[in-house]
């Protein structure tokens, strides 16, 4: 059985496409293996919400 140039070309293109699909499907899985750093300090800014009623403000002189 002889393989013609046309069949050889189709086989080569199919092999390249298969390798590209495999590489594409493996890359997201490899990205998930990266280590996430643990620890550290959480810094938050807290501002009291403004009071709409000045009587409830409770500041000096009220």
PDB file of N, CA and C in Angstrom:
ATOM      1  N   UNK A   1       0.839  -1.171   0.000  1.00  0.00           N
ATOM      2  CA  UNK A   1       0.000   0.000   0.000  1.00  0.00           C
ATOM      3  C   UNK A   1       0.893   1.246   0.000  1.00  0.00           C
ATOM      4  N   UNK A   2       0.652   2.107  -0.937  1.00  0.00           N
ATOM      5  CA  UNK A   2       1.440   3.319  -1.059  1.00  0.00           C
ATOM      6  C   UNK A   2       0.610   4.514  -0.615  1.00  0.00           C
ATOM      7  N   UNK A   3       1.278   5.460   0.021  1.00  0.00           N
ATOM      8  CA  UNK A   3       0.613   6.674   0.469  1.00  0.00           C
ATOM      9  C   UNK A   3       0.903   7.766  -0.554  1.00  0.00           C
ATOM     10  N   UNK A   4      -0.143   8.354  -1.073  1.00  0.00           N
ATOM     11  CA  UNK A   4       0.036   9.416  -2.061  1.00  0.00           C
ATOM     12  C   UNK A   4       0.412  10.713  -1.344  1.00  0.00           C
ATOM     13  N   UNK A   5       0.890  11.659  -2.131  1.00  0.00           N
ATOM     14  CA  UNK A   5       1.270  12.957  -1.559  1.00  0.00           C
ATOM     15  C   UNK A   5       0.064  13.640  -0.932  1.00  0.00           C
ATOM     16  N   UNK A   6      -1.069  13.483  -1.544  1.00  0.00           N
ATOM     17  CA  UNK A   6      -2.280  14.118  -1.025  1.00  0.00           C
ATOM     18  C   UNK A   6      -2.650  13.535   0.330  1.00  0.00           C
ATOM     19  N   UNK A   7      -2.591  12.222   0.462  1.00  0.00           N
ATOM     20  CA  UNK A   7      -2.903  11.597   1.746  1.00  0.00           C
ATOM     21  C   UNK A   7      -1.853  11.951   2.797  1.00  0.00           C
ATOM     22  N   UNK A   8      -0.611  12.026   2.401  1.00  0.00           N
ATOM     23  CA  UNK A   8       0.455  12.388   3.324  1.00  0.00           C
ATOM     24  C   UNK A   8       0.270  13.831   3.817  1.00  0.00           C
ATOM     25  N   UNK A   9      -0.135  14.711   2.922  1.00  0.00           N
ATOM     26  CA  UNK A   9      -0.387  16.102   3.284  1.00  0.00           C
ATOM     27  C   UNK A   9      -1.560  16.196   4.264  1.00  0.00           C
ATOM     28  N   UNK A  10      -2.624  15.450   4.001  1.00  0.00           N
ATOM     29  CA  UNK A  10      -3.783  15.443   4.902  1.00  0.00           C
ATOM     30  C   UNK A  10      -3.407  14.889   6.275  1.00  0.00           C
ATOM     31  N   UNK A  11      -2.578  13.852   6.297  1.00  0.00           N
ATOM     32  CA  UNK A  11      -2.133  13.267   7.555  1.00  0.00           C
ATOM     33  C   UNK A  11      -1.288  14.267   8.349  1.00  0.00           C
ATOM     34  N   UNK A  12      -0.427  14.977   7.661  1.00  0.00           N
ATOM     35  CA  UNK A  12       0.410  15.977   8.312  1.00  0.00           C
ATOM     36  C   UNK A  12      -0.436  17.113   8.886  1.00  0.00           C
ATOM     37  N   UNK A  13      -1.386  17.599   8.138  1.00  0.00           N
ATOM     38  CA  UNK A  13      -2.256  18.679   8.614  1.00  0.00           C
ATOM     39  C   UNK A  13      -3.107  18.217   9.801  1.00  0.00           C
ATOM     40  N   UNK A  14      -3.596  16.992   9.759  1.00  0.00           N
ATOM     41  CA  UNK A  14      -4.386  16.460  10.872  1.00  0.00           C
ATOM     42  C   UNK A  14      -3.526  16.314  12.120  1.00  0.00           C
ATOM     43  N   UNK A  15      -2.276  15.913  11.963  1.00  0.00           N
ATOM     44  CA  UNK A  15      -1.368  15.775  13.105  1.00  0.00           C
ATOM     45  C   UNK A  15      -1.067  17.131  13.733  1.00  0.00           C
ATOM     46  N   UNK A  16      -0.841  18.135  12.900  1.00  0.00           N
ATOM     47  CA  UNK A  16      -0.583  19.486  13.398  1.00  0.00           C
ATOM     48  C   UNK A  16      -1.807  20.023  14.134  1.00  0.00           C
ATOM     49  N   UNK A  17      -2.987  19.805  13.577  1.00  0.00           N
ATOM     50  CA  UNK A  17      -4.217  20.265  14.223  1.00  0.00           C
ATOM     51  C   UNK A  17      -4.428  19.553  15.554  1.00  0.00           C
ATOM     52  N   UNK A  18      -4.160  18.271  15.610  1.00  0.00           N
ATOM     53  CA  UNK A  18      -4.311  17.513  16.846  1.00  0.00           C
ATOM     54  C   UNK A  18      -3.342  18.010  17.914  1.00  0.00           C
ATOM     55  N   UNK A  19      -2.106  18.264  17.537  1.00  0.00           N
ATOM     56  CA  UNK A  19      -1.131  18.784  18.504  1.00  0.00           C
ATOM     57  C   UNK A  19      -1.539  20.160  19.006  1.00  0.00           C
ATOM     58  N   UNK A  20      -2.084  20.996  18.135  1.00  0.00           N
ATOM     59  CA  UNK A  20      -2.523  22.330  18.551  1.00  0.00           C
ATOM     60  C   UNK A  20      -3.697  22.234  19.525  1.00  0.00           C
ATOM     61  N   UNK A  21      -4.619  21.326  19.281  1.00  0.00           N
ATOM     62  CA  UNK A  21      -5.763  21.148  20.175  1.00  0.00           C
ATOM     63  C   UNK A  21      -5.307  20.633  21.535  1.00  0.00           C
ATOM     64  N   UNK A  22      -4.377  19.695  21.535  1.00  0.00           N
ATOM     65  CA  UNK A  22      -3.864  19.163  22.798  1.00  0.00           C
ATOM     66  C   UNK A  22      -3.137  20.255  23.576  1.00  0.00           C
ATOM     67  N   UNK A  23      -2.317  21.038  22.918  1.00  0.00           N
ATOM     68  CA  UNK A  23      -1.597  22.122  23.588  1.00  0.00           C
ATOM     69  C   UNK A  23      -2.564  23.161  24.142  1.00  0.00           C
ATOM     70  N   UNK A  24      -3.592  23.483  23.389  1.00  0.00           N
ATOM     71  CA  UNK A  24      -4.586  24.456  23.829  1.00  0.00           C
ATOM     72  C   UNK A  24      -5.354  23.954  25.043  1.00  0.00           C
ATOM     73  N   UNK A  25      -5.661  22.660  25.081  1.00  0.00           N
ATOM     74  CA  UNK A  25      -6.441  22.128  26.200  1.00  0.00           C
ATOM     75  C   UNK A  25      -5.590  21.945  27.453  1.00  0.00           C
ATOM     76  N   UNK A  26      -4.287  21.772  27.316  1.00  0.00           N
ATOM     77  CA  UNK A  26      -3.418  21.569  28.474  1.00  0.00           C
ATOM     78  C   UNK A  26      -3.040  22.903  29.123  1.00  0.00           C
ATOM     79  N   UNK A  27      -2.931  23.974  28.373  1.00  0.00           N
ATOM     80  CA  UNK A  27      -2.437  25.241  28.913  1.00  0.00           C
ATOM     81  C   UNK A  27      -3.279  25.797  30.056  1.00  0.00           C
ATOM     82  N   UNK A  28      -4.621  25.751  30.046  1.00  0.00           N
ATOM     83  CA  UNK A  28      -5.360  26.243  31.216  1.00  0.00           C
ATOM     84  C   UNK A  28      -5.090  25.411  32.468  1.00  0.00           C
ATOM     85  N   UNK A  29      -4.915  24.117  32.318  1.00  0.00           N
ATOM     86  CA  UNK A  29      -4.649  23.266  33.476  1.00  0.00           C
ATOM     87  C   UNK A  29      -3.289  23.600  34.076  1.00  0.00           C
ATOM     88  N   UNK A  30      -2.329  23.934  33.267  1.00  0.00           N
ATOM     89  CA  UNK A  30      -1.009  24.278  33.777  1.00  0.00           C
ATOM     90  C   UNK A  30      -1.051  25.639  34.477  1.00  0.00           C
ATOM     91  N   UNK A  31      -1.917  26.532  34.031  1.00  0.00           N
ATOM     92  CA  UNK A  31      -2.015  27.845  34.659  1.00  0.00           C
ATOM     93  C   UNK A  31      -2.586  27.732  36.067  1.00  0.00           C
ATOM     94  N   UNK A  32      -3.401  26.712  36.331  1.00  0.00           N
ATOM     95  CA  UNK A  32      -4.011  26.538  37.638  1.00  0.00           C
ATOM     96  C   UNK A  32      -3.044  25.955  38.655  1.00  0.00           C
ATOM     97  N   UNK A  33      -1.911  25.459  38.232  1.00  0.00           N
ATOM     98  CA  UNK A  33      -0.971  24.864  39.167  1.00  0.00           C
ATOM     99  C   UNK A  33      -0.091  25.903  39.848  1.00  0.00           C
ATOM    100  N   UNK A  34      -0.214  27.168  39.475  1.00  0.00           N
ATOM    101  CA  UNK A  34       0.592  28.213  40.101  1.00  0.00           C
ATOM    102  C   UNK A  34       0.169  28.356  41.556  1.00  0.00           C
ATOM    103  N   UNK A  35       1.126  28.552  42.430  1.00  0.00           N
ATOM    104  CA  UNK A  35       0.859  28.671  43.860  1.00  0.00           C
ATOM    105  C   UNK A  35       0.328  30.069  44.180  1.00  0.00           C
ATOM    106  N   UNK A  36      -0.708  30.108  44.988  1.00  0.00           N
ATOM    107  CA  UNK A  36      -1.272  31.369  45.439  1.00  0.00           C
ATOM    108  C   UNK A  36      -0.605  31.715  46.760  1.00  0.00           C
ATOM    109  N   UNK A  37      -0.019  32.900  46.873  1.00  0.00           N
ATOM    110  CA  UNK A  37       0.639  33.246  48.137  1.00  0.00           C
ATOM    111  C   UNK A  37      -0.379  33.345  49.270  1.00  0.00           C
ATOM    112  N   UNK A  38      -0.016  32.789  50.414  1.00  0.00           N
ATOM    113  CA  UNK A  38      -0.896  32.813  51.586  1.00  0.00           C
ATOM    114  C   UNK A  38      -0.333  33.778  52.625  1.00  0.00           C
ATOM    115  N   UNK A  39      -1.221  34.280  53.471  1.00  0.00           N
ATOM    116  CA  UNK A  39      -0.794  35.172  54.537  1.00  0.00           C
ATOM    117  C   UNK A  39      -0.825  36.620  54.099  1.00  0.00           C
ATOM    118  N   UNK A  40      -0.251  37.471  54.932  1.00  0.00           N
ATOM    119  CA  UNK A  40      -0.217  38.887  54.619  1.00  0.00           C
ATOM    120  C   UNK A  40      -1.150  39.661  55.530  1.00  0.00           C
ATOM    121  N   UNK A  41      -1.366  40.910  55.224  1.00  0.00           N
ATOM    122  CA  UNK A  41      -2.190  41.789  56.047  1.00  0.00           C
ATOM    123  C   UNK A  41      -3.312  42.349  55.189  1.00  0.00           C
ATOM    124  N   UNK A  42      -4.519  42.240  55.703  1.00  0.00           N
ATOM    125  CA  UNK A  42      -5.676  42.815  55.027  1.00  0.00           C
ATOM    126  C   UNK A  42      -5.871  44.227  55.559  1.00  0.00           C
ATOM    127  N   UNK A  43      -5.838  45.194  54.681  1.00  0.00           N
ATOM    128  CA  UNK A  43      -6.007  46.591  55.082  1.00  0.00           C
ATOM    129  C   UNK A  43      -7.351  47.075  54.549  1.00  0.00           C
ATOM    130  N   UNK A  44      -8.150  47.600  55.467  1.00  0.00           N
ATOM    131  CA  UNK A  44      -9.466  48.096  55.085  1.00  0.00           C
ATOM    132  C   UNK A  44      -9.618  49.533  55.570  1.00  0.00           C
ATOM    133  N   UNK A  45     -10.320  50.326  54.830  1.00  0.00           N
ATOM    134  CA  UNK A  45     -10.620  51.696  55.228  1.00  0.00           C
ATOM    135  C   UNK A  45     -12.091  51.723  55.618  1.00  0.00           C
ATOM    136  N   UNK A  46     -12.349  52.171  56.832  1.00  0.00           N
ATOM    137  CA  UNK A  46     -13.718  52.219  57.323  1.00  0.00           C
ATOM    138  C   UNK A  46     -14.074  53.657  57.641  1.00  0.00           C
ATOM    139  N   UNK A  47     -15.101  54.131  57.035  1.00  0.00           N
ATOM    140  CA  UNK A  47     -15.602  55.473  57.332  1.00  0.00           C
ATOM    141  C   UNK A  47     -17.034  55.315  57.815  1.00  0.00           C
ATOM    142  N   UNK A  48     -17.360  56.012  58.909  1.00  0.00           N
ATOM    143  CA  UNK A  48     -18.715  55.932  59.430  1.00  0.00           C
ATOM    144  C   UNK A  48     -19.679  56.589  58.442  1.00  0.00           C
ATOM    145  N   UNK A  49     -20.818  55.989  58.272  1.00  0.00           N
ATOM    146  CA  UNK A  49     -21.783  56.598  57.352  1.00  0.00           C
ATOM    147  C   UNK A  49     -22.314  57.909  57.935  1.00  0.00           C
ATOM    148  N   UNK A  50     -22.598  58.886  57.112  1.00  0.00           N
ATOM    149  CA  UNK A  50     -23.091  60.173  57.631  1.00  0.00           C
ATOM    150  C   UNK A  50     -24.499  60.022  58.203  1.00  0.00           C
ATOM    151  N   UNK A  51     -24.813  60.808  59.244  1.00  0.00           N
ATOM    152  CA  UNK A  51     -26.135  60.807  59.826  1.00  0.00           C
ATOM    153  C   UNK A  51     -26.981  61.851  59.113  1.00  0.00           C
ATOM    154  N   UNK A  52     -28.164  61.467  58.723  1.00  0.00           N
ATOM    155  CA  UNK A  52     -29.060  62.412  58.046  1.00  0.00           C
ATOM    156  C   UNK A  52     -29.751  63.333  59.044  1.00  0.00           C
ATOM    157  N   UNK A  53     -29.956  62.840  60.241  1.00  0.00           N
ATOM    158  CA  UNK A  53     -30.613  63.647  61.259  1.00  0.00           C
ATOM    159  C   UNK A  53     -29.539  64.214  62.188  1.00  0.00           C
ATOM    160  N   UNK A  54     -29.347  65.552  62.290  1.00  0.00           N
ATOM    161  CA  UNK A  54     -28.286  66.122  63.109  1.00  0.00           C
ATOM    162  C   UNK A  54     -28.466  65.837  64.600  1.00  0.00           C
ATOM    163  N   UNK A  55     -29.686  65.557  65.056  1.00  0.00           N
ATOM    164  CA  UNK A  55     -29.929  65.250  66.465  1.00  0.00           C
ATOM    165  C   UNK A  55     -29.273  63.918  66.834  1.00  0.00           C
ATOM    166  N   UNK A  56     -29.224  63.003  65.911  1.00  0.00           N
ATOM    167  CA  UNK A  56     -28.655  61.686  66.181  1.00  0.00           C
ATOM    168  C   UNK A  56     -27.149  61.666  66.044  1.00  0.00           C
ATOM    169  N   UNK A  57     -26.544  62.764  65.618  1.00  0.00           N
ATOM    170  CA  UNK A  57     -25.100  62.819  65.401  1.00  0.00           C
ATOM    171  C   UNK A  57     -24.305  62.574  66.670  1.00  0.00           C
ATOM    172  N   UNK A  58     -24.753  63.066  67.789  1.00  0.00           N
ATOM    173  CA  UNK A  58     -24.098  62.840  69.051  1.00  0.00           C
ATOM    174  C   UNK A  58     -22.758  63.516  69.207  1.00  0.00           C
ATOM    175  N   UNK A  59     -22.491  64.539  68.453  1.00  0.00           N
ATOM    176  CA  UNK A  59     -21.228  65.242  68.562  1.00  0.00           C
ATOM    177  C   UNK A  59     -21.207  66.178  69.765  1.00  0.00           C
ATOM    178  N   UNK A  60     -20.100  66.887  69.974  1.00  0.00           N
ATOM    179  CA  UNK A  60     -20.017  67.813  71.105  1.00  0.00           C
ATOM    180  C   UNK A  60     -21.026  68.941  70.976  1.00  0.00           C
ATOM    181  N   UNK A  61     -21.631  69.261  72.108  1.00  0.00           N
ATOM    182  CA  UNK A  61     -22.579  70.362  72.124  1.00  0.00           C
ATOM    183  C   UNK A  61     -23.982  69.952  71.715  1.00  0.00           C
ATOM    184  N   UNK A  62     -24.224  68.679  71.560  1.00  0.00           N
ATOM    185  CA  UNK A  62     -25.583  68.290  71.166  1.00  0.00           C
ATOM    186  C   UNK A  62     -26.415  67.899  72.348  1.00  0.00           C
TER     187      UNK A  62
END
